[in-house]
Amino acid sequence: MKTFVTAAASLSLLVGSAASAQPGPPDASRYGPRPPQDSQGYQRYNPRWSRGDRLPPQYRQPQYYVSDWRQRGLRPPPRGYRWVRYNDSNYFLVAIATGLIAQTVYRDEREQNWERRYNRRYSYQDDRYWQECRDKPDPAGVIVGAIIGGLLGNAAGGDDNRGGATLAGVIIGGAVGGALTKDMNCEDRSYAYRTYYNGFNSGRPGSRYSWRNPSNNHRGDLRIGGYYYDPAGFRCTTFSQTIYIDGRPRQGNGRACRQPDGTWAIVN
């Protein structure tokens, strides 16, 4: 498991020591080990550079820059550093001036880290709304609009043709998700899911999102707490909600984190 570095000063010292500890390699291999190639000179698999290697110049061009690092679940780059990507699922924090790699984030490693920390991956099959309401009216377009995470096509990761990460879906599954939505009917949940989707993706701590079902006047308010990165480097937020069913308020709260595929899952 990779150790995540959060302070620019510590990061600079760590990278400097890693670089100085390595003997000076010949020019031909100064960018780290060359990936195996087939008989025609094509790489047989994706290269895996490590911290202390220099990312080759061809991968430090603008088309590889990651400006939406927050949406991809990456940490803010310290001053003098930039996130770049390879195959849209492997990320490298590099020194802008030199290309020295300070941190690597490989997709397979993030999946392993997630499962170590949260025990499992969540998909739309875990979602109570999908299980109970997928054949019922969906007035807010949650299913048709691919808001439930497992159906989303543009979450973080995948291949370069996907165009990068944008808004990510939500999974309201498990015991906590069931407790939050147990008093809502299927139409209520459709409207409520839209607020979860907007709220988790807003990036604005303290923001409030409201929903109302015009067919029965059930309504609710979602408040987003603070965003933070957990010890494994995944972006998380706390939230609270109040729903009003037949005029009676019911409250709940929880915590949601973004999985390696970009979807928000309620973890507790």
C-alpha atoms as a PDB file:
ATOM      1  CA  MET A   1       0.000   0.000   0.000  1.00  0.00           C
ATOM      2  CA  LYS A   2       1.384   3.389  -0.969  1.00  0.00           C
ATOM      3  CA  THR A   3       2.044   6.020   1.673  1.00  0.00           C
ATOM      4  CA  PHE A   4       0.285   9.255   0.803  1.00  0.00           C
ATOM      5  CA  VAL A   5       2.163  12.499   1.367  1.00  0.00           C
ATOM      6  CA  THR A   6       0.109  15.545   2.229  1.00  0.00           C
ATOM      7  CA  ALA A   7       2.501  18.397   2.929  1.00  0.00           C
ATOM      8  CA  ALA A   8       4.488  20.041   0.180  1.00  0.00           C
ATOM      9  CA  ALA A   9       7.560  20.468   2.347  1.00  0.00           C
ATOM     10  CA  SER A  10       7.563  16.844   3.463  1.00  0.00           C
ATOM     11  CA  LEU A  11       6.932  15.754  -0.090  1.00  0.00           C
ATOM     12  CA  SER A  12       9.899  17.710  -1.418  1.00  0.00           C
ATOM     13  CA  LEU A  13      12.209  16.278   1.239  1.00  0.00           C
ATOM     14  CA  LEU A  14      10.963  12.756   0.608  1.00  0.00           C
ATOM     15  CA  VAL A  15      11.406  12.998  -3.135  1.00  0.00           C
ATOM     16  CA  GLY A  16      14.799  14.603  -2.763  1.00  0.00           C
ATOM     17  CA  SER A  17      16.043  11.842  -0.496  1.00  0.00           C
ATOM     18  CA  ALA A  18      14.618   9.143  -2.800  1.00  0.00           C
ATOM     19  CA  ALA A  19      16.319  10.661  -5.810  1.00  0.00           C
ATOM     20  CA  SER A  20      19.672  11.207  -4.073  1.00  0.00           C
ATOM     21  CA  ALA A  21      19.677   7.641  -2.753  1.00  0.00           C
ATOM     22  CA  GLN A  22      19.568   6.202  -6.239  1.00  0.00           C
ATOM     23  CA  PRO A  23      22.835   5.796  -8.178  1.00  0.00           C
ATOM     24  CA  GLY A  24      23.038   7.814 -11.345  1.00  0.00           C
ATOM     25  CA  PRO A  25      21.735   5.549 -14.122  1.00  0.00           C
ATOM     26  CA  PRO A  26      22.870   5.801 -17.734  1.00  0.00           C
ATOM     27  CA  ASP A  27      20.893   8.151 -19.960  1.00  0.00           C
ATOM     28  CA  ALA A  28      19.111   5.299 -21.750  1.00  0.00           C
ATOM     29  CA  SER A  29      17.383   4.181 -18.535  1.00  0.00           C
ATOM     30  CA  ARG A  30      17.155   7.411 -16.557  1.00  0.00           C
ATOM     31  CA  TYR A  31      13.342   7.357 -16.786  1.00  0.00           C
ATOM     32  CA  GLY A  32      13.027   4.044 -14.994  1.00  0.00           C
ATOM     33  CA  PRO A  33      12.889   0.499 -16.354  1.00  0.00           C
ATOM     34  CA  ARG A  34      11.930   0.174 -19.989  1.00  0.00           C
ATOM     35  CA  PRO A  35       8.731  -1.869 -20.417  1.00  0.00           C
ATOM     36  CA  PRO A  36       9.006  -5.137 -22.342  1.00  0.00           C
ATOM     37  CA  GLN A  37       8.278  -4.914 -26.056  1.00  0.00           C
ATOM     38  CA  ASP A  38       7.125  -7.356 -28.683  1.00  0.00           C
ATOM     39  CA  SER A  39       8.974  -8.162 -31.919  1.00  0.00           C
ATOM     40  CA  GLN A  40       7.561  -5.049 -33.592  1.00  0.00           C
ATOM     41  CA  GLY A  41       8.625  -2.723 -30.826  1.00  0.00           C
ATOM     42  CA  TYR A  42       5.222  -2.254 -29.148  1.00  0.00           C
ATOM     43  CA  GLN A  43       4.901  -2.344 -25.379  1.00  0.00           C
ATOM     44  CA  ARG A  44       3.423  -5.615 -24.134  1.00  0.00           C
ATOM     45  CA  TYR A  45       1.755  -4.020 -21.110  1.00  0.00           C
ATOM     46  CA  ASN A  46       1.450  -0.682 -19.359  1.00  0.00           C
ATOM     47  CA  PRO A  47       4.694   0.600 -17.818  1.00  0.00           C
ATOM     48  CA  ARG A  48       4.757   0.893 -14.023  1.00  0.00           C
ATOM     49  CA  TRP A  49       6.978   3.736 -12.925  1.00  0.00           C
ATOM     50  CA  SER A  50       7.802   4.160  -9.245  1.00  0.00           C
ATOM     51  CA  ARG A  51       8.438   7.067  -6.904  1.00  0.00           C
ATOM     52  CA  GLY A  52      11.883   8.455  -7.656  1.00  0.00           C
ATOM     53  CA  ASP A  53      11.712   7.635 -11.393  1.00  0.00           C
ATOM     54  CA  ARG A  54      11.407  10.433 -13.922  1.00  0.00           C
ATOM     55  CA  LEU A  55       8.283  10.304 -16.024  1.00  0.00           C
ATOM     56  CA  PRO A  56       9.316  10.332 -19.702  1.00  0.00           C
ATOM     57  CA  PRO A  57       8.839  13.715 -21.399  1.00  0.00           C
ATOM     58  CA  GLN A  58       6.217  12.394 -23.827  1.00  0.00           C
ATOM     59  CA  TYR A  59       3.879  11.810 -20.869  1.00  0.00           C
ATOM     60  CA  ARG A  60       4.391  15.327 -19.512  1.00  0.00           C
ATOM     61  CA  GLN A  61       2.527  16.980 -22.382  1.00  0.00           C
ATOM     62  CA  PRO A  62      -0.701  18.993 -21.843  1.00  0.00           C
ATOM     63  CA  GLN A  63      -2.947  16.175 -23.073  1.00  0.00           C
ATOM     64  CA  TYR A  64      -1.903  14.121 -20.034  1.00  0.00           C
ATOM     65  CA  TYR A  65      -2.421  16.861 -17.414  1.00  0.00           C
ATOM     66  CA  VAL A  66      -5.078  16.154 -14.798  1.00  0.00           C
ATOM     67  CA  SER A  67      -6.984  19.335 -13.948  1.00  0.00           C
ATOM     68  CA  ASP A  68     -10.002  17.550 -12.433  1.00  0.00           C
ATOM     69  CA  TRP A  69      -7.893  15.767  -9.801  1.00  0.00           C
ATOM     70  CA  ARG A  70     -10.540  16.393  -7.136  1.00  0.00           C
ATOM     71  CA  GLN A  71     -13.215  14.559  -9.129  1.00  0.00           C
ATOM     72  CA  ARG A  72     -10.823  11.688  -9.700  1.00  0.00           C
ATOM     73  CA  GLY A  73     -10.306  11.247  -5.949  1.00  0.00           C
ATOM     74  CA  LEU A  74      -6.716  12.539  -5.963  1.00  0.00           C
ATOM     75  CA  ARG A  75      -5.105  14.786  -3.372  1.00  0.00           C
ATOM     76  CA  PRO A  76      -4.440  18.456  -4.116  1.00  0.00           C
ATOM     77  CA  PRO A  77      -1.021  18.732  -5.797  1.00  0.00           C
ATOM     78  CA  PRO A  78       1.485  20.709  -3.716  1.00  0.00           C
ATOM     79  CA  ARG A  79       3.068  23.825  -5.158  1.00  0.00           C
ATOM     80  CA  GLY A  80       5.477  22.911  -7.930  1.00  0.00           C
ATOM     81  CA  TYR A  81       3.801  19.578  -8.679  1.00  0.00           C
ATOM     82  CA  ARG A  82       1.186  18.396 -11.143  1.00  0.00           C
ATOM     83  CA  TRP A  83      -0.907  15.264 -11.583  1.00  0.00           C
ATOM     84  CA  VAL A  84      -0.551  13.543 -14.950  1.00  0.00           C
ATOM     85  CA  ARG A  85      -2.228  10.378 -16.145  1.00  0.00           C
ATOM     86  CA  TYR A  86      -1.432   7.298 -18.191  1.00  0.00           C
ATOM     87  CA  ASN A  87      -4.339   5.361 -19.751  1.00  0.00           C
ATOM     88  CA  ASP A  88      -6.761   7.465 -17.686  1.00  0.00           C
ATOM     89  CA  SER A  89      -6.539   5.105 -14.721  1.00  0.00           C
ATOM     90  CA  ASN A  90      -2.917   5.449 -13.565  1.00  0.00           C
ATOM     91  CA  TYR A  91      -1.835   8.767 -12.084  1.00  0.00           C
ATOM     92  CA  PHE A  92       1.539  10.272 -11.227  1.00  0.00           C
ATOM     93  CA  LEU A  93       2.317  13.299  -9.091  1.00  0.00           C
ATOM     94  CA  VAL A  94       5.372  14.810 -10.757  1.00  0.00           C
ATOM     95  CA  ALA A  95       7.604  17.810 -10.209  1.00  0.00           C
ATOM     96  CA  ILE A  96       6.744  20.290 -12.944  1.00  0.00           C
ATOM     97  CA  ALA A  97      10.346  21.341 -13.476  1.00  0.00           C
ATOM     98  CA  THR A  98      11.983  17.908 -13.586  1.00  0.00           C
ATOM     99  CA  GLY A  99       9.321  15.220 -14.059  1.00  0.00           C
ATOM    100  CA  LEU A 100      10.493  13.422 -10.912  1.00  0.00           C
ATOM    101  CA  ILE A 101       7.686  11.174  -9.633  1.00  0.00           C
ATOM    102  CA  ALA A 102       6.694  11.903  -6.038  1.00  0.00           C
ATOM    103  CA  GLN A 103       3.641   9.625  -5.827  1.00  0.00           C
ATOM    104  CA  THR A 104       2.017   6.942  -7.955  1.00  0.00           C
ATOM    105  CA  VAL A 105      -1.663   5.989  -7.944  1.00  0.00           C
ATOM    106  CA  TYR A 106      -2.349   2.858  -9.936  1.00  0.00           C
ATOM    107  CA  ARG A 107      -5.947   1.810 -10.410  1.00  0.00           C
ATOM    108  CA  ASP A 108      -5.400  -1.762  -9.245  1.00  0.00           C
ATOM    109  CA  GLU A 109      -3.684  -0.515  -6.085  1.00  0.00           C
ATOM    110  CA  ARG A 110      -6.574   1.852  -5.325  1.00  0.00           C
ATOM    111  CA  GLU A 111      -9.046  -1.026  -5.637  1.00  0.00           C
ATOM    112  CA  GLN A 112      -6.990  -3.104  -3.211  1.00  0.00           C
ATOM    113  CA  ASN A 113      -6.698  -0.169  -0.808  1.00  0.00           C
ATOM    114  CA  TRP A 114     -10.449   0.387  -0.927  1.00  0.00           C
ATOM    115  CA  GLU A 115     -11.227  -3.224  -0.131  1.00  0.00           C
ATOM    116  CA  ARG A 116      -8.713  -3.261   2.715  1.00  0.00           C
ATOM    117  CA  ARG A 117     -10.317  -0.205   4.255  1.00  0.00           C
ATOM    118  CA  TYR A 118     -14.015  -0.761   3.517  1.00  0.00           C
ATOM    119  CA  ASN A 119     -14.083  -4.549   3.067  1.00  0.00           C
ATOM    120  CA  ARG A 120     -16.014  -4.557  -0.188  1.00  0.00           C
ATOM    121  CA  ARG A 121     -16.913  -2.761  -3.400  1.00  0.00           C
ATOM    122  CA  TYR A 122     -20.422  -1.378  -3.814  1.00  0.00           C
ATOM    123  CA  SER A 123     -22.387  -1.594  -7.063  1.00  0.00           C
ATOM    124  CA  TYR A 124     -25.942  -0.744  -8.082  1.00  0.00           C
ATOM    125  CA  GLN A 125     -26.857  -4.336  -7.132  1.00  0.00           C
ATOM    126  CA  ASP A 126     -26.339  -3.290  -3.495  1.00  0.00           C
ATOM    127  CA  ASP A 127     -28.630  -0.298  -3.819  1.00  0.00           C
ATOM    128  CA  ARG A 128     -32.054  -0.566  -2.151  1.00  0.00           C
ATOM    129  CA  TYR A 129     -33.658   1.791  -4.637  1.00  0.00           C
ATOM    130  CA  TRP A 130     -32.462  -0.302  -7.571  1.00  0.00           C
ATOM    131  CA  GLN A 131     -33.532  -3.530  -5.887  1.00  0.00           C
ATOM    132  CA  GLU A 132     -37.000  -2.366  -4.901  1.00  0.00           C
ATOM    133  CA  CYS A 133     -37.947   0.382  -7.358  1.00  0.00           C
ATOM    134  CA  ARG A 134     -36.338  -0.218 -10.731  1.00  0.00           C
ATOM    135  CA  ASP A 135     -39.685  -1.255 -12.229  1.00  0.00           C
ATOM    136  CA  LYS A 136     -41.620   1.587 -10.587  1.00  0.00           C
ATOM    137  CA  PRO A 137     -42.151   5.206 -11.729  1.00  0.00           C
ATOM    138  CA  ASP A 138     -38.913   7.212 -11.595  1.00  0.00           C
ATOM    139  CA  PRO A 139     -40.039  10.870 -11.760  1.00  0.00           C
ATOM    140  CA  ALA A 140     -36.575  12.380 -11.147  1.00  0.00           C
ATOM    141  CA  GLY A 141     -34.924  10.215 -13.811  1.00  0.00           C
ATOM    142  CA  VAL A 142     -32.494   8.502 -11.470  1.00  0.00           C
ATOM    143  CA  ILE A 143     -32.276   5.250 -13.419  1.00  0.00           C
ATOM    144  CA  VAL A 144     -32.748   6.692 -16.897  1.00  0.00           C
ATOM    145  CA  GLY A 145     -30.250   9.433 -16.057  1.00  0.00           C
ATOM    146  CA  ALA A 146     -27.700   6.867 -14.841  1.00  0.00           C
ATOM    147  CA  ILE A 147     -27.342   8.510 -11.436  1.00  0.00           C
ATOM    148  CA  ILE A 148     -26.985   5.185  -9.649  1.00  0.00           C
ATOM    149  CA  GLY A 149     -23.255   4.592  -9.746  1.00  0.00           C
ATOM    150  CA  GLY A 150     -23.014   1.144 -11.286  1.00  0.00           C
ATOM    151  CA  LEU A 151     -24.811   2.373 -14.406  1.00  0.00           C
ATOM    152  CA  LEU A 152     -22.701   5.458 -14.940  1.00  0.00           C
ATOM    153  CA  GLY A 153     -20.501   5.526 -18.024  1.00  0.00           C
ATOM    154  CA  ASN A 154     -18.223   8.456 -17.224  1.00  0.00           C
ATOM    155  CA  ALA A 155     -16.944   7.750 -13.727  1.00  0.00           C
ATOM    156  CA  ALA A 156     -13.233   8.088 -13.052  1.00  0.00           C
ATOM    157  CA  GLY A 157     -11.086   5.423 -14.649  1.00  0.00           C
ATOM    158  CA  GLY A 158     -11.426   3.397 -17.808  1.00  0.00           C
ATOM    159  CA  ASP A 159      -9.828   4.186 -21.113  1.00  0.00           C
ATOM    160  CA  ASP A 160      -8.797   7.462 -22.668  1.00  0.00           C
ATOM    161  CA  ASN A 161     -11.795   7.615 -24.972  1.00  0.00           C
ATOM    162  CA  ARG A 162     -14.089   8.194 -22.064  1.00  0.00           C
ATOM    163  CA  GLY A 163     -13.136  11.847 -21.844  1.00  0.00           C
ATOM    164  CA  GLY A 164     -12.243  12.046 -18.175  1.00  0.00           C
ATOM    165  CA  ALA A 165     -14.240  12.064 -14.980  1.00  0.00           C
ATOM    166  CA  THR A 166     -17.258  14.306 -14.529  1.00  0.00           C
ATOM    167  CA  LEU A 167     -20.066  13.834 -12.035  1.00  0.00           C
ATOM    168  CA  ALA A 168     -20.114  10.431 -10.385  1.00  0.00           C
ATOM    169  CA  GLY A 169     -23.081   8.307  -9.404  1.00  0.00           C
ATOM    170  CA  VAL A 170     -24.233   7.290  -5.942  1.00  0.00           C
ATOM    171  CA  ILE A 171     -24.833   3.987  -4.177  1.00  0.00           C
ATOM    172  CA  ILE A 172     -27.231   4.209  -1.227  1.00  0.00           C
ATOM    173  CA  GLY A 173     -26.892   0.620  -0.103  1.00  0.00           C
ATOM    174  CA  GLY A 174     -26.180  -1.362   3.017  1.00  0.00           C
ATOM    175  CA  ALA A 175     -27.706  -0.952   6.449  1.00  0.00           C
ATOM    176  CA  VAL A 176     -27.086   2.788   6.624  1.00  0.00           C
ATOM    177  CA  GLY A 177     -28.568   3.403   3.183  1.00  0.00           C
ATOM    178  CA  GLY A 178     -31.581   1.303   4.081  1.00  0.00           C
ATOM    179  CA  ALA A 179     -32.093   3.249   7.304  1.00  0.00           C
ATOM    180  CA  LEU A 180     -31.913   6.560   5.444  1.00  0.00           C
ATOM    181  CA  THR A 181     -34.534   5.611   2.874  1.00  0.00           C
ATOM    182  CA  LYS A 182     -36.773   3.085   4.660  1.00  0.00           C
ATOM    183  CA  ASP A 183     -39.627   5.558   5.225  1.00  0.00           C
ATOM    184  CA  MET A 184     -39.647   6.770   1.616  1.00  0.00           C
ATOM    185  CA  ASN A 185     -41.708   5.248  -1.155  1.00  0.00           C
ATOM    186  CA  CYS A 186     -40.165   4.726  -4.573  1.00  0.00           C
ATOM    187  CA  GLU A 187     -41.134   8.158  -5.908  1.00  0.00           C
ATOM    188  CA  ASP A 188     -39.725   9.822  -2.779  1.00  0.00           C
ATOM    189  CA  ARG A 189     -36.435   8.004  -3.262  1.00  0.00           C
ATOM    190  CA  SER A 190     -36.233   9.094  -6.886  1.00  0.00           C
ATOM    191  CA  TYR A 191     -36.336  12.744  -5.848  1.00  0.00           C
ATOM    192  CA  ALA A 192     -34.051  12.163  -2.848  1.00  0.00           C
ATOM    193  CA  TYR A 193     -31.411  10.432  -4.980  1.00  0.00           C
ATOM    194  CA  ARG A 194     -31.183  13.499  -7.135  1.00  0.00           C
ATOM    195  CA  THR A 195     -30.193  15.527  -4.041  1.00  0.00           C
ATOM    196  CA  TYR A 196     -27.580  12.932  -3.021  1.00  0.00           C
ATOM    197  CA  TYR A 197     -26.142  13.086  -6.514  1.00  0.00           C
ATOM    198  CA  ASN A 198     -26.019  16.874  -6.582  1.00  0.00           C
ATOM    199  CA  GLY A 199     -24.867  17.196  -2.988  1.00  0.00           C
ATOM    200  CA  PHE A 200     -21.975  14.713  -2.950  1.00  0.00           C
ATOM    201  CA  ASN A 201     -20.669  16.037  -6.271  1.00  0.00           C
ATOM    202  CA  SER A 202     -21.009  19.702  -5.316  1.00  0.00           C
ATOM    203  CA  GLY A 203     -17.665  19.977  -3.519  1.00  0.00           C
ATOM    204  CA  ARG A 204     -19.203  22.699  -1.341  1.00  0.00           C
ATOM    205  CA  PRO A 205     -19.099  22.004   2.411  1.00  0.00           C
ATOM    206  CA  GLY A 206     -22.199  23.221   4.213  1.00  0.00           C
ATOM    207  CA  SER A 207     -24.364  23.266   1.089  1.00  0.00           C
ATOM    208  CA  ARG A 208     -28.033  22.321   1.362  1.00  0.00           C
ATOM    209  CA  TYR A 209     -30.186  20.470  -1.162  1.00  0.00           C
ATOM    210  CA  SER A 210     -33.933  19.979  -0.922  1.00  0.00           C
ATOM    211  CA  TRP A 211     -36.438  17.694  -2.593  1.00  0.00           C
ATOM    212  CA  ARG A 212     -40.219  17.417  -2.629  1.00  0.00           C
ATOM    213  CA  ASN A 213     -42.548  14.815  -4.061  1.00  0.00           C
ATOM    214  CA  PRO A 214     -45.509  16.769  -5.506  1.00  0.00           C
ATOM    215  CA  SER A 215     -47.759  13.720  -5.443  1.00  0.00           C
ATOM    216  CA  ASN A 216     -47.779  13.446  -1.630  1.00  0.00           C
ATOM    217  CA  ASN A 217     -45.845  16.501  -0.355  1.00  0.00           C
ATOM    218  CA  HIS A 218     -43.193  14.345   1.271  1.00  0.00           C
ATOM    219  CA  ARG A 219     -39.974  16.346   1.307  1.00  0.00           C
ATOM    220  CA  GLY A 220     -36.446  16.375   2.610  1.00  0.00           C
ATOM    221  CA  ASP A 221     -33.291  18.397   3.144  1.00  0.00           C
ATOM    222  CA  LEU A 222     -29.741  17.148   2.651  1.00  0.00           C
ATOM    223  CA  ARG A 223     -26.823  19.019   4.205  1.00  0.00           C
ATOM    224  CA  ILE A 224     -23.272  18.297   3.140  1.00  0.00           C
ATOM    225  CA  GLY A 225     -20.645  18.400   5.876  1.00  0.00           C
ATOM    226  CA  GLY A 226     -16.904  18.739   5.402  1.00  0.00           C
ATOM    227  CA  TYR A 227     -14.916  17.039   2.658  1.00  0.00           C
ATOM    228  CA  TYR A 228     -11.705  15.279   3.589  1.00  0.00           C
ATOM    229  CA  TYR A 229      -9.351  12.487   2.491  1.00  0.00           C
ATOM    230  CA  ASP A 230      -9.356   9.314   4.542  1.00  0.00           C
ATOM    231  CA  PRO A 231      -6.036   7.665   5.523  1.00  0.00           C
ATOM    232  CA  ALA A 232      -6.070   5.611   2.303  1.00  0.00           C
ATOM    233  CA  GLY A 233      -6.438   8.745   0.175  1.00  0.00           C
ATOM    234  CA  PHE A 234     -10.117   8.430  -0.797  1.00  0.00           C
ATOM    235  CA  ARG A 235     -12.247  11.567  -0.896  1.00  0.00           C
ATOM    236  CA  CYS A 236     -15.086  11.486   1.629  1.00  0.00           C
ATOM    237  CA  THR A 237     -17.784  13.735   3.039  1.00  0.00           C
ATOM    238  CA  THR A 238     -20.156  13.648   5.966  1.00  0.00           C
ATOM    239  CA  PHE A 239     -23.817  14.495   5.515  1.00  0.00           C
ATOM    240  CA  SER A 240     -27.089  14.766   7.403  1.00  0.00           C
ATOM    241  CA  GLN A 241     -30.656  14.679   6.192  1.00  0.00           C
ATOM    242  CA  THR A 242     -34.110  15.442   7.499  1.00  0.00           C
ATOM    243  CA  ILE A 243     -37.143  14.008   5.767  1.00  0.00           C
ATOM    244  CA  TYR A 244     -40.756  14.935   6.393  1.00  0.00           C
ATOM    245  CA  ILE A 245     -43.242  12.086   5.936  1.00  0.00           C
ATOM    246  CA  ASP A 246     -46.849  13.115   6.600  1.00  0.00           C
ATOM    247  CA  GLY A 247     -45.512  16.172   8.398  1.00  0.00           C
ATOM    248  CA  ARG A 248     -43.328  14.216  10.826  1.00  0.00           C
ATOM    249  CA  PRO A 249     -39.582  14.914  10.675  1.00  0.00           C
ATOM    250  CA  ARG A 250     -37.083  12.048  10.665  1.00  0.00           C
ATOM    251  CA  GLN A 251     -33.370  12.569  10.747  1.00  0.00           C
ATOM    252  CA  GLY A 252     -30.314  10.612   9.777  1.00  0.00           C
ATOM    253  CA  ASN A 253     -26.659  11.112   8.962  1.00  0.00           C
ATOM    254  CA  GLY A 254     -23.791   9.236   7.461  1.00  0.00           C
ATOM    255  CA  ARG A 255     -20.526   9.306   5.569  1.00  0.00           C
ATOM    256  CA  ALA A 256     -19.940   8.752   1.862  1.00  0.00           C
ATOM    257  CA  CYS A 257     -16.642   8.097   0.074  1.00  0.00           C
ATOM    258  CA  ARG A 258     -15.702   7.827  -3.592  1.00  0.00           C
ATOM    259  CA  GLN A 259     -14.738   4.364  -4.738  1.00  0.00           C
ATOM    260  CA  PRO A 260     -11.913   3.787  -7.235  1.00  0.00           C
ATOM    261  CA  ASP A 261     -14.446   3.824 -10.103  1.00  0.00           C
ATOM    262  CA  GLY A 262     -15.549   7.307  -9.014  1.00  0.00           C
ATOM    263  CA  THR A 263     -18.960   6.420  -7.545  1.00  0.00           C
ATOM    264  CA  TRP A 264     -20.012   7.725  -4.140  1.00  0.00           C
ATOM    265  CA  ALA A 265     -20.883   4.939  -1.711  1.00  0.00           C
ATOM    266  CA  ILE A 266     -22.356   5.407   1.754  1.00  0.00           C
ATOM    267  CA  VAL A 267     -19.922   3.549   3.998  1.00  0.00           C
ATOM    268  CA  ASN A 268     -21.444   4.302   7.427  1.00  0.00           C
END
